[in-house]
Amino acid sequence: MTVARDSTADGDRHERMPVLWGVVRFEPGDGRRVRDTTITFDSAGSAELFALEQGWGDYQITPLFFFVENVVPPAGSRMVLDAALTRTIRRAGGR
């Protein structure tokens, strides 16, 4: 699933927005080999908090994009609410 904004501040239309966020944890050492990935977070902050709570030292937070056509998020999901809030703010001129 991908989400497209109607427009951005720099005029770039159809910019993709991440649907979820993930944490990639690396094996110890210099190779940066991926140990595991956790992909269940609705924000970068949530993913960061999870990694910190787990005591992970070497990790990276990453946005996740899914290319699935015609997926409708469930009513009341955070994505739907965030999109509604964004439209409201845009209509109010950013106020």
PDB file of N, CA and C in Angstrom:
ATOM      1  N   MET A   1       0.848  -1.148   0.000  1.00  0.00           N
ATOM      2  CA  MET A   1       0.000   0.000   0.000  1.00  0.00           C
ATOM      3  C   MET A   1       0.899   1.218   0.000  1.00  0.00           C
ATOM      4  N   THR A   2       0.608   2.200  -0.780  1.00  0.00           N
ATOM      5  CA  THR A   2       1.304   3.478  -0.731  1.00  0.00           C
ATOM      6  C   THR A   2       0.279   4.567  -0.517  1.00  0.00           C
ATOM      7  N   VAL A   3       0.736   5.651   0.026  1.00  0.00           N
ATOM      8  CA  VAL A   3      -0.127   6.795   0.256  1.00  0.00           C
ATOM      9  C   VAL A   3       0.499   7.957  -0.478  1.00  0.00           C
ATOM     10  N   ALA A   4      -0.294   8.717  -1.208  1.00  0.00           N
ATOM     11  CA  ALA A   4       0.222   9.869  -1.947  1.00  0.00           C
ATOM     12  C   ALA A   4      -0.378  11.135  -1.380  1.00  0.00           C
ATOM     13  N   ARG A   5       0.460  12.098  -1.143  1.00  0.00           N
ATOM     14  CA  ARG A   5      -0.027  13.415  -0.727  1.00  0.00           C
ATOM     15  C   ARG A   5      -0.546  14.133  -1.960  1.00  0.00           C
ATOM     16  N   ASP A   6      -1.497  15.036  -1.740  1.00  0.00           N
ATOM     17  CA  ASP A   6      -1.994  15.828  -2.866  1.00  0.00           C
ATOM     18  C   ASP A   6      -0.916  16.773  -3.369  1.00  0.00           C
ATOM     19  N   SER A   7      -0.168  17.373  -2.467  1.00  0.00           N
ATOM     20  CA  SER A   7       0.925  18.254  -2.859  1.00  0.00           C
ATOM     21  C   SER A   7       1.838  18.429  -1.668  1.00  0.00           C
ATOM     22  N   THR A   8       3.048  18.936  -1.938  1.00  0.00           N
ATOM     23  CA  THR A   8       4.008  19.184  -0.871  1.00  0.00           C
ATOM     24  C   THR A   8       4.421  20.641  -0.909  1.00  0.00           C
ATOM     25  N   ALA A   9       5.183  21.047   0.081  1.00  0.00           N
ATOM     26  CA  ALA A   9       5.608  22.445   0.167  1.00  0.00           C
ATOM     27  C   ALA A   9       6.421  22.862  -1.056  1.00  0.00           C
ATOM     28  N   ASP A  10       7.208  21.934  -1.625  1.00  0.00           N
ATOM     29  CA  ASP A  10       8.015  22.298  -2.786  1.00  0.00           C
ATOM     30  C   ASP A  10       7.300  22.037  -4.110  1.00  0.00           C
ATOM     31  N   GLY A  11       6.009  21.707  -4.045  1.00  0.00           N
ATOM     32  CA  GLY A  11       5.218  21.526  -5.247  1.00  0.00           C
ATOM     33  C   GLY A  11       5.311  20.140  -5.865  1.00  0.00           C
ATOM     34  N   ASP A  12       6.022  19.216  -5.228  1.00  0.00           N
ATOM     35  CA  ASP A  12       6.150  17.856  -5.750  1.00  0.00           C
ATOM     36  C   ASP A  12       4.868  17.094  -5.470  1.00  0.00           C
ATOM     37  N   ARG A  13       4.092  16.842  -6.501  1.00  0.00           N
ATOM     38  CA  ARG A  13       2.830  16.127  -6.335  1.00  0.00           C
ATOM     39  C   ARG A  13       3.082  14.637  -6.273  1.00  0.00           C
ATOM     40  N   HIS A  14       2.206  13.924  -5.575  1.00  0.00           N
ATOM     41  CA  HIS A  14       2.245  12.468  -5.482  1.00  0.00           C
ATOM     42  C   HIS A  14       3.466  11.944  -4.734  1.00  0.00           C
ATOM     43  N   GLU A  15       3.948  12.671  -3.766  1.00  0.00           N
ATOM     44  CA  GLU A  15       5.042  12.180  -2.931  1.00  0.00           C
ATOM     45  C   GLU A  15       4.517  11.039  -2.074  1.00  0.00           C
ATOM     46  N   ARG A  16       5.225   9.921  -2.050  1.00  0.00           N
ATOM     47  CA  ARG A  16       4.801   8.787  -1.241  1.00  0.00           C
ATOM     48  C   ARG A  16       5.084   9.064   0.221  1.00  0.00           C
ATOM     49  N   MET A  17       4.183   8.609   1.069  1.00  0.00           N
ATOM     50  CA  MET A  17       4.358   8.708   2.509  1.00  0.00           C
ATOM     51  C   MET A  17       4.430   7.285   3.055  1.00  0.00           C
ATOM     52  N   PRO A  18       5.300   7.041   4.030  1.00  0.00           N
ATOM     53  CA  PRO A  18       5.390   5.680   4.565  1.00  0.00           C
ATOM     54  C   PRO A  18       4.098   5.269   5.258  1.00  0.00           C
ATOM     55  N   VAL A  19       3.747   4.009   5.082  1.00  0.00           N
ATOM     56  CA  VAL A  19       2.575   3.455   5.735  1.00  0.00           C
ATOM     57  C   VAL A  19       2.939   2.975   7.128  1.00  0.00           C
ATOM     58  N   LEU A  20       4.112   2.384   7.245  1.00  0.00           N
ATOM     59  CA  LEU A  20       4.632   1.897   8.523  1.00  0.00           C
ATOM     60  C   LEU A  20       6.100   2.263   8.627  1.00  0.00           C
ATOM     61  N   TRP A  21       6.636   2.065   9.830  1.00  0.00           N
ATOM     62  CA  TRP A  21       8.062   2.267  10.070  1.00  0.00           C
ATOM     63  C   TRP A  21       8.638   0.978  10.613  1.00  0.00           C
ATOM     64  N   GLY A  22       9.904   0.762  10.368  1.00  0.00           N
ATOM     65  CA  GLY A  22      10.561  -0.445  10.835  1.00  0.00           C
ATOM     66  C   GLY A  22      11.886  -0.136  11.489  1.00  0.00           C
ATOM     67  N   VAL A  23      12.380  -1.131  12.231  1.00  0.00           N
ATOM     68  CA  VAL A  23      13.696  -1.051  12.846  1.00  0.00           C
ATOM     69  C   VAL A  23      14.522  -2.196  12.267  1.00  0.00           C
ATOM     70  N   VAL A  24      15.666  -1.867  11.718  1.00  0.00           N
ATOM     71  CA  VAL A  24      16.602  -2.869  11.225  1.00  0.00           C
ATOM     72  C   VAL A  24      17.733  -2.941  12.243  1.00  0.00           C
ATOM     73  N   ARG A  25      17.947  -4.144  12.797  1.00  0.00           N
ATOM     74  CA  ARG A  25      19.023  -4.332  13.780  1.00  0.00           C
ATOM     75  C   ARG A  25      20.176  -5.051  13.095  1.00  0.00           C
ATOM     76  N   PHE A  26      21.397  -4.615  13.387  1.00  0.00           N
ATOM     77  CA  PHE A  26      22.577  -5.159  12.749  1.00  0.00           C
ATOM     78  C   PHE A  26      23.332  -6.098  13.683  1.00  0.00           C
ATOM     79  N   GLU A  27      24.028  -7.068  13.075  1.00  0.00           N
ATOM     80  CA  GLU A  27      24.919  -7.957  13.817  1.00  0.00           C
ATOM     81  C   GLU A  27      26.095  -7.142  14.353  1.00  0.00           C
ATOM     82  N   PRO A  28      26.686  -7.556  15.462  1.00  0.00           N
ATOM     83  CA  PRO A  28      27.890  -6.865  15.949  1.00  0.00           C
ATOM     84  C   PRO A  28      29.017  -6.949  14.909  1.00  0.00           C
ATOM     85  N   GLY A  29      29.863  -5.957  14.884  1.00  0.00           N
ATOM     86  CA  GLY A  29      30.991  -5.942  13.949  1.00  0.00           C
ATOM     87  C   GLY A  29      30.848  -4.857  12.914  1.00  0.00           C
ATOM     88  N   ASP A  30      31.821  -4.820  12.026  1.00  0.00           N
ATOM     89  CA  ASP A  30      31.872  -3.753  11.029  1.00  0.00           C
ATOM     90  C   ASP A  30      31.097  -4.056   9.751  1.00  0.00           C
ATOM     91  N   GLY A  31      30.621  -5.288   9.579  1.00  0.00           N
ATOM     92  CA  GLY A  31      29.979  -5.689   8.327  1.00  0.00           C
ATOM     93  C   GLY A  31      28.599  -5.118   8.096  1.00  0.00           C
ATOM     94  N   ARG A  32      27.948  -4.625   9.151  1.00  0.00           N
ATOM     95  CA  ARG A  32      26.587  -4.087   9.076  1.00  0.00           C
ATOM     96  C   ARG A  32      25.626  -5.105   8.466  1.00  0.00           C
ATOM     97  N   ARG A  33      25.837  -6.369   8.799  1.00  0.00           N
ATOM     98  CA  ARG A  33      24.935  -7.428   8.341  1.00  0.00           C
ATOM     99  C   ARG A  33      23.644  -7.365   9.150  1.00  0.00           C
ATOM    100  N   VAL A  34      22.513  -7.433   8.469  1.00  0.00           N
ATOM    101  CA  VAL A  34      21.216  -7.317   9.140  1.00  0.00           C
ATOM    102  C   VAL A  34      20.967  -8.557   9.991  1.00  0.00           C
ATOM    103  N   ARG A  35      20.658  -8.327  11.246  1.00  0.00           N
ATOM    104  CA  ARG A  35      20.337  -9.417  12.170  1.00  0.00           C
ATOM    105  C   ARG A  35      18.848  -9.741  12.112  1.00  0.00           C
ATOM    106  N   ASP A  36      18.018  -8.698  12.201  1.00  0.00           N
ATOM    107  CA  ASP A  36      16.576  -8.868  12.069  1.00  0.00           C
ATOM    108  C   ASP A  36      15.920  -7.525  11.802  1.00  0.00           C
ATOM    109  N   THR A  37      14.656  -7.590  11.422  1.00  0.00           N
ATOM    110  CA  THR A  37      13.879  -6.390  11.115  1.00  0.00           C
ATOM    111  C   THR A  37      12.517  -6.515  11.778  1.00  0.00           C
ATOM    112  N   THR A  38      12.079  -5.443  12.406  1.00  0.00           N
ATOM    113  CA  THR A  38      10.759  -5.398  13.032  1.00  0.00           C
ATOM    114  C   THR A  38       9.971  -4.292  12.335  1.00  0.00           C
ATOM    115  N   ILE A  39       8.775  -4.631  11.797  1.00  0.00           N
ATOM    116  CA  ILE A  39       8.026  -3.657  10.986  1.00  0.00           C
ATOM    117  C   ILE A  39       6.578  -3.541  11.467  1.00  0.00           C
ATOM    118  N   THR A  40       6.391  -2.906  12.571  1.00  0.00           N
ATOM    119  CA  THR A  40       5.026  -2.793  13.093  1.00  0.00           C
ATOM    120  C   THR A  40       4.718  -1.423  13.669  1.00  0.00           C
ATOM    121  N   PHE A  41       5.431  -0.413  13.298  1.00  0.00           N
ATOM    122  CA  PHE A  41       5.303   0.882  13.973  1.00  0.00           C
ATOM    123  C   PHE A  41       4.618   1.913  13.093  1.00  0.00           C
ATOM    124  N   ASP A  42       3.799   2.754  13.708  1.00  0.00           N
ATOM    125  CA  ASP A  42       3.081   3.774  12.941  1.00  0.00           C
ATOM    126  C   ASP A  42       3.812   5.104  12.892  1.00  0.00           C
ATOM    127  N   SER A  43       4.981   5.190  13.543  1.00  0.00           N
ATOM    128  CA  SER A  43       5.780   6.408  13.478  1.00  0.00           C
ATOM    129  C   SER A  43       7.246   6.066  13.716  1.00  0.00           C
ATOM    130  N   ALA A  44       8.116   6.954  13.264  1.00  0.00           N
ATOM    131  CA  ALA A  44       9.549   6.763  13.488  1.00  0.00           C
ATOM    132  C   ALA A  44       9.856   6.803  14.982  1.00  0.00           C
ATOM    133  N   GLY A  45       9.141   7.654  15.717  1.00  0.00           N
ATOM    134  CA  GLY A  45       9.348   7.752  17.163  1.00  0.00           C
ATOM    135  C   GLY A  45       9.012   6.460  17.886  1.00  0.00           C
ATOM    136  N   SER A  46       7.939   5.806  17.469  1.00  0.00           N
ATOM    137  CA  SER A  46       7.561   4.522  18.076  1.00  0.00           C
ATOM    138  C   SER A  46       8.625   3.463  17.816  1.00  0.00           C
ATOM    139  N   ALA A  47       9.155   3.441  16.603  1.00  0.00           N
ATOM    140  CA  ALA A  47      10.203   2.482  16.256  1.00  0.00           C
ATOM    141  C   ALA A  47      11.465   2.752  17.072  1.00  0.00           C
ATOM    142  N   GLU A  48      11.803   4.011  17.210  1.00  0.00           N
ATOM    143  CA  GLU A  48      12.986   4.403  17.996  1.00  0.00           C
ATOM    144  C   GLU A  48      12.830   3.990  19.452  1.00  0.00           C
ATOM    145  N   LEU A  49      11.671   4.257  20.018  1.00  0.00           N
ATOM    146  CA  LEU A  49      11.407   3.889  21.409  1.00  0.00           C
ATOM    147  C   LEU A  49      11.530   2.383  21.617  1.00  0.00           C
ATOM    148  N   PHE A  50      10.994   1.599  20.673  1.00  0.00           N
ATOM    149  CA  PHE A  50      11.094   0.142  20.756  1.00  0.00           C
ATOM    150  C   PHE A  50      12.561  -0.295  20.800  1.00  0.00           C
ATOM    151  N   ALA A  51      13.368   0.230  19.876  1.00  0.00           N
ATOM    152  CA  ALA A  51      14.786  -0.145  19.818  1.00  0.00           C
ATOM    153  C   ALA A  51      15.505   0.223  21.115  1.00  0.00           C
ATOM    154  N   LEU A  52      15.194   1.382  21.650  1.00  0.00           N
ATOM    155  CA  LEU A  52      15.822   1.806  22.913  1.00  0.00           C
ATOM    156  C   LEU A  52      15.387   0.919  24.069  1.00  0.00           C
ATOM    157  N   GLU A  53      14.102   0.606  24.133  1.00  0.00           N
ATOM    158  CA  GLU A  53      13.596  -0.261  25.205  1.00  0.00           C
ATOM    159  C   GLU A  53      14.191  -1.665  25.139  1.00  0.00           C
ATOM    160  N   GLN A  54      14.516  -2.130  23.929  1.00  0.00           N
ATOM    161  CA  GLN A  54      15.115  -3.448  23.754  1.00  0.00           C
ATOM    162  C   GLN A  54      16.616  -3.454  24.053  1.00  0.00           C
ATOM    163  N   GLY A  55      17.182  -2.264  24.214  1.00  0.00           N
ATOM    164  CA  GLY A  55      18.613  -2.155  24.481  1.00  0.00           C
ATOM    165  C   GLY A  55      19.479  -2.368  23.248  1.00  0.00           C
ATOM    166  N   TRP A  56      18.903  -2.169  22.070  1.00  0.00           N
ATOM    167  CA  TRP A  56      19.657  -2.353  20.835  1.00  0.00           C
ATOM    168  C   TRP A  56      20.631  -1.202  20.655  1.00  0.00           C
ATOM    169  N   GLY A  57      21.875  -1.526  20.313  1.00  0.00           N
ATOM    170  CA  GLY A  57      22.888  -0.496  20.137  1.00  0.00           C
ATOM    171  C   GLY A  57      23.113  -0.098  18.696  1.00  0.00           C
ATOM    172  N   ASP A  58      22.994  -1.044  17.775  1.00  0.00           N
ATOM    173  CA  ASP A  58      23.281  -0.763  16.376  1.00  0.00           C
ATOM    174  C   ASP A  58      22.043  -1.067  15.539  1.00  0.00           C
ATOM    175  N   TYR A  59      21.276  -0.034  15.217  1.00  0.00           N
ATOM    176  CA  TYR A  59      20.026  -0.198  14.478  1.00  0.00           C
ATOM    177  C   TYR A  59      19.787   1.025  13.608  1.00  0.00           C
ATOM    178  N   GLN A  60      18.827   0.894  12.720  1.00  0.00           N
ATOM    179  CA  GLN A  60      18.416   2.014  11.882  1.00  0.00           C
ATOM    180  C   GLN A  60      16.907   1.990  11.740  1.00  0.00           C
ATOM    181  N   ILE A  61      16.295   3.155  11.827  1.00  0.00           N
ATOM    182  CA  ILE A  61      14.852   3.304  11.616  1.00  0.00           C
ATOM    183  C   ILE A  61      14.640   3.574  10.133  1.00  0.00           C
ATOM    184  N   THR A  62      13.630   2.929   9.547  1.00  0.00           N
ATOM    185  CA  THR A  62      13.394   3.119   8.123  1.00  0.00           C
ATOM    186  C   THR A  62      11.902   3.203   7.809  1.00  0.00           C
ATOM    187  N   PRO A  63      11.513   4.084   6.885  1.00  0.00           N
ATOM    188  CA  PRO A  63      10.124   4.118   6.435  1.00  0.00           C
ATOM    189  C   PRO A  63       9.863   2.910   5.539  1.00  0.00           C
ATOM    190  N   LEU A  64       8.639   2.415   5.567  1.00  0.00           N
ATOM    191  CA  LEU A  64       8.272   1.244   4.776  1.00  0.00           C
ATOM    192  C   LEU A  64       7.163   1.599   3.799  1.00  0.00           C
ATOM    193  N   PHE A  65       7.323   1.164   2.577  1.00  0.00           N
ATOM    194  CA  PHE A  65       6.352   1.397   1.521  1.00  0.00           C
ATOM    195  C   PHE A  65       5.936   0.045   0.958  1.00  0.00           C
ATOM    196  N   PHE A  66       4.656  -0.130   0.725  1.00  0.00           N
ATOM    197  CA  PHE A  66       4.142  -1.367   0.171  1.00  0.00           C
ATOM    198  C   PHE A  66       3.414  -1.047  -1.120  1.00  0.00           C
ATOM    199  N   PHE A  67       3.710  -1.784  -2.166  1.00  0.00           N
ATOM    200  CA  PHE A  67       3.120  -1.528  -3.467  1.00  0.00           C
ATOM    201  C   PHE A  67       1.998  -2.521  -3.721  1.00  0.00           C
ATOM    202  N   VAL A  68       0.851  -2.219  -3.185  1.00  0.00           N
ATOM    203  CA  VAL A  68      -0.344  -3.030  -3.344  1.00  0.00           C
ATOM    204  C   VAL A  68      -1.440  -2.097  -3.839  1.00  0.00           C
ATOM    205  N   GLU A  69      -2.128  -2.502  -4.862  1.00  0.00           N
ATOM    206  CA  GLU A  69      -3.166  -1.653  -5.442  1.00  0.00           C
ATOM    207  C   GLU A  69      -4.484  -1.793  -4.703  1.00  0.00           C
ATOM    208  N   ASN A  70      -5.231  -0.718  -4.629  1.00  0.00           N
ATOM    209  CA  ASN A  70      -6.605  -0.696  -4.144  1.00  0.00           C
ATOM    210  C   ASN A  70      -6.786  -1.234  -2.730  1.00  0.00           C
ATOM    211  N   VAL A  71      -5.897  -0.872  -1.844  1.00  0.00           N
ATOM    212  CA  VAL A  71      -6.041  -1.262  -0.450  1.00  0.00           C
ATOM    213  C   VAL A  71      -6.699  -0.111   0.288  1.00  0.00           C
ATOM    214  N   VAL A  72      -7.759  -0.412   1.004  1.00  0.00           N
ATOM    215  CA  VAL A  72      -8.474   0.605   1.766  1.00  0.00           C
ATOM    216  C   VAL A  72      -8.188   0.369   3.243  1.00  0.00           C
ATOM    217  N   PRO A  73      -7.620   1.365   3.943  1.00  0.00           N
ATOM    218  CA  PRO A  73      -7.358   1.183   5.362  1.00  0.00           C
ATOM    219  C   PRO A  73      -8.664   1.074   6.140  1.00  0.00           C
ATOM    220  N   PRO A  74      -8.662   0.352   7.248  1.00  0.00           N
ATOM    221  CA  PRO A  74      -9.879   0.219   8.049  1.00  0.00           C
ATOM    222  C   PRO A  74     -10.342   1.566   8.601  1.00  0.00           C
ATOM    223  N   ALA A  75     -11.638   1.715   8.747  1.00  0.00           N
ATOM    224  CA  ALA A  75     -12.198   2.957   9.293  1.00  0.00           C
ATOM    225  C   ALA A  75     -11.613   3.210  10.675  1.00  0.00           C
ATOM    226  N   GLY A  76     -11.240   4.443  10.928  1.00  0.00           N
ATOM    227  CA  GLY A  76     -10.696   4.809  12.225  1.00  0.00           C
ATOM    228  C   GLY A  76      -9.227   4.517  12.384  1.00  0.00           C
ATOM    229  N   SER A  77      -8.573   4.004  11.327  1.00  0.00           N
ATOM    230  CA  SER A  77      -7.141   3.727  11.444  1.00  0.00           C
ATOM    231  C   SER A  77      -6.384   5.039  11.522  1.00  0.00           C
ATOM    232  N   ARG A  78      -5.191   4.977  12.068  1.00  0.00           N
ATOM    233  CA  ARG A  78      -4.391   6.182  12.229  1.00  0.00           C
ATOM    234  C   ARG A  78      -4.104   6.841  10.884  1.00  0.00           C
ATOM    235  N   MET A  79      -3.880   6.039   9.849  1.00  0.00           N
ATOM    236  CA  MET A  79      -3.588   6.591   8.533  1.00  0.00           C
ATOM    237  C   MET A  79      -4.763   7.431   8.033  1.00  0.00           C
ATOM    238  N   VAL A  80      -5.979   6.944   8.216  1.00  0.00           N
ATOM    239  CA  VAL A  80      -7.160   7.684   7.787  1.00  0.00           C
ATOM    240  C   VAL A  80      -7.290   8.970   8.597  1.00  0.00           C
ATOM    241  N   LEU A  81      -7.080   8.885   9.895  1.00  0.00           N
ATOM    242  CA  LEU A  81      -7.190  10.061  10.748  1.00  0.00           C
ATOM    243  C   LEU A  81      -6.105  11.085  10.442  1.00  0.00           C
ATOM    244  N   ASP A  82      -4.860  10.622  10.198  1.00  0.00           N
ATOM    245  CA  ASP A  82      -3.779  11.535   9.841  1.00  0.00           C
ATOM    246  C   ASP A  82      -4.065  12.240   8.522  1.00  0.00           C
ATOM    247  N   ALA A  83      -4.609  11.500   7.546  1.00  0.00           N
ATOM    248  CA  ALA A  83      -4.941  12.113   6.255  1.00  0.00           C
ATOM    249  C   ALA A  83      -6.022  13.174   6.427  1.00  0.00           C
ATOM    250  N   ALA A  84      -7.022  12.896   7.254  1.00  0.00           N
ATOM    251  CA  ALA A  84      -8.092  13.874   7.500  1.00  0.00           C
ATOM    252  C   ALA A  84      -7.536  15.116   8.185  1.00  0.00           C
ATOM    253  N   LEU A  85      -6.639  14.928   9.143  1.00  0.00           N
ATOM    254  CA  LEU A  85      -6.031  16.062   9.832  1.00  0.00           C
ATOM    255  C   LEU A  85      -5.200  16.897   8.868  1.00  0.00           C
ATOM    256  N   THR A  86      -4.441  16.239   8.003  1.00  0.00           N
ATOM    257  CA  THR A  86      -3.628  16.947   7.014  1.00  0.00           C
ATOM    258  C   THR A  86      -4.501  17.784   6.087  1.00  0.00           C
ATOM    259  N   ARG A  87      -5.624  17.205   5.618  1.00  0.00           N
ATOM    260  CA  ARG A  87      -6.531  17.962   4.748  1.00  0.00           C
ATOM    261  C   ARG A  87      -7.111  19.170   5.475  1.00  0.00           C
ATOM    262  N   THR A  88      -7.473  18.981   6.746  1.00  0.00           N
ATOM    263  CA  THR A  88      -8.044  20.077   7.528  1.00  0.00           C
ATOM    264  C   THR A  88      -7.050  21.202   7.702  1.00  0.00           C
ATOM    265  N   ILE A  89      -5.809  20.870   8.019  1.00  0.00           N
ATOM    266  CA  ILE A  89      -4.775  21.885   8.194  1.00  0.00           C
ATOM    267  C   ILE A  89      -4.510  22.613   6.880  1.00  0.00           C
ATOM    268  N   ARG A  90      -4.476  21.859   5.781  1.00  0.00           N
ATOM    269  CA  ARG A  90      -4.222  22.460   4.469  1.00  0.00           C
ATOM    270  C   ARG A  90      -5.343  23.442   4.121  1.00  0.00           C
ATOM    271  N   ARG A  91      -6.594  23.056   4.389  1.00  0.00           N
ATOM    272  CA  ARG A  91      -7.726  23.940   4.092  1.00  0.00           C
ATOM    273  C   ARG A  91      -7.704  25.195   4.949  1.00  0.00           C
ATOM    274  N   ALA A  92      -7.175  25.084   6.164  1.00  0.00           N
ATOM    275  CA  ALA A  92      -7.108  26.231   7.067  1.00  0.00           C
ATOM    276  C   ALA A  92      -5.884  27.101   6.774  1.00  0.00           C
ATOM    277  N   GLY A  93      -5.116  26.744   5.748  1.00  0.00           N
ATOM    278  CA  GLY A  93      -3.951  27.542   5.404  1.00  0.00           C
ATOM    279  C   GLY A  93      -2.805  27.346   6.367  1.00  0.00           C
ATOM    280  N   GLY A  94      -2.712  26.192   7.021  1.00  0.00           N
ATOM    281  CA  GLY A  94      -1.606  25.910   7.931  1.00  0.00           C
ATOM    282  C   GLY A  94      -1.784  26.482   9.312  1.00  0.00           C
ATOM    283  N   ARG A  95      -2.938  27.031   9.605  1.00  0.00           N
ATOM    284  CA  ARG A  95      -3.162  27.635  10.922  1.00  0.00           C
ATOM    285  C   ARG A  95      -3.708  26.645  11.897  1.00  0.00           C
TER     286      ARG A  95
END
